[in-house]
Amino acid sequence: MVVKIMKDMKNMLRVVGILLLGMFVLVVGIPLVLAAAGIVLSGIGAIVGIAVMLIKLAVVVAIGYLILVGIRAVLR
C-alpha cells in the first residue's frame, strides 16, 4: 500500500515538475528569444529583466548550496 502511494506521489511530482518547467520556458524563454532577435516591447523588456534577475539568484543559490555541501563533506 505504501509503495503504491509513493509511486503515485512520484508520478504526480514528475507531472508538476514538467508543468513548472513548461511555465518557466514560456515566461522566461520566449522573451529571451525575442530579445535576442531584437523584438523588445516594454512589457517584455521588464519580463526579461525579471528573468535575468531570477537566473542570477538561482546561480547564487546553487553556488551557496555547493559550498555548503563541500564543507559538509570535508567535515565528515
Protein backbone atom coordinates (compact mmCIF):
# COMPACT_ATOMS: atom_id res chain seq x y z
CA MET A 1 0.00 0.00 0.00
CA VAL A 2 2.75 2.46 0.96
CA VAL A 3 4.76 1.57 -2.15
CA LYS A 4 1.77 2.36 -4.38
CA ILE A 5 1.21 5.70 -2.63
CA MET A 6 4.90 6.58 -3.03
CA LYS A 7 4.83 5.60 -6.70
CA ASP A 8 1.72 7.75 -7.27
CA MET A 9 3.36 10.65 -5.42
CA LYS A 10 6.48 10.29 -7.55
CA ASN A 11 4.42 10.38 -10.74
CA MET A 12 2.44 13.38 -9.51
CA LEU A 13 5.61 15.28 -8.62
CA ARG A 14 7.03 14.46 -12.05
CA VAL A 15 3.93 15.94 -13.73
CA VAL A 16 4.07 19.04 -11.51
CA GLY A 17 7.76 19.46 -12.34
CA ILE A 18 7.08 19.19 -16.07
CA LEU A 19 4.29 21.77 -15.79
CA LEU A 20 6.52 24.17 -13.84
CA LEU A 21 9.30 23.73 -16.38
CA GLY A 22 6.88 24.46 -19.21
CA MET A 23 5.65 27.61 -17.47
CA PHE A 24 9.25 28.70 -16.89
CA VAL A 25 10.07 28.23 -20.57
CA LEU A 26 7.01 30.24 -21.59
CA VAL A 27 7.65 33.09 -19.16
CA VAL A 28 11.44 33.24 -19.45
CA GLY A 29 12.49 31.55 -22.67
CA ILE A 30 10.21 33.24 -25.17
CA PRO A 31 11.01 36.81 -24.04
CA LEU A 32 14.74 36.00 -24.07
CA VAL A 33 14.49 34.67 -27.64
CA LEU A 34 12.52 37.74 -28.70
CA ALA A 35 15.08 39.99 -27.02
CA ALA A 36 17.89 38.19 -28.82
CA ALA A 37 16.03 38.73 -32.10
CA GLY A 38 15.72 42.44 -31.31
CA ILE A 39 11.96 42.44 -30.77
CA VAL A 40 11.68 44.00 -27.34
CA LEU A 41 8.49 45.59 -26.15
CA SER A 42 8.26 47.49 -22.89
CA GLY A 43 6.38 44.73 -21.04
CA ILE A 44 8.58 42.02 -22.48
CA GLY A 45 11.65 44.04 -21.52
CA ALA A 46 10.50 44.06 -17.92
CA ILE A 47 9.86 40.32 -18.02
CA VAL A 48 13.33 39.74 -19.46
CA GLY A 49 14.83 41.85 -16.66
CA ILE A 50 12.99 39.80 -14.07
CA ALA A 51 14.06 36.58 -15.80
CA VAL A 52 17.71 37.62 -15.77
CA MET A 53 17.41 38.54 -12.09
CA LEU A 54 15.87 35.13 -11.31
CA ILE A 55 18.64 33.35 -13.20
CA LYS A 56 21.28 35.29 -11.25
CA LEU A 57 19.53 34.44 -7.99
CA ALA A 58 19.39 30.75 -8.96
CA VAL A 59 23.13 30.76 -9.72
CA VAL A 60 23.92 32.38 -6.34
CA VAL A 61 21.74 29.84 -4.51
CA ALA A 62 23.34 26.95 -6.41
CA ILE A 63 26.86 28.16 -5.61
CA GLY A 64 25.93 28.60 -1.96
CA TYR A 65 24.50 25.08 -1.87
CA LEU A 66 27.64 23.62 -3.46
CA ILE A 67 29.84 25.40 -0.92
CA LEU A 68 27.65 24.14 1.93
CA VAL A 69 27.75 20.57 0.62
CA GLY A 70 31.52 20.81 0.16
CA ILE A 71 32.03 21.99 3.72
CA ARG A 72 29.79 19.21 5.00
CA ALA A 73 31.75 16.61 3.00
CA VAL A 74 35.06 17.89 4.36
CA LEU A 75 33.82 17.78 7.95
CA ARG A 76 32.73 14.15 7.67
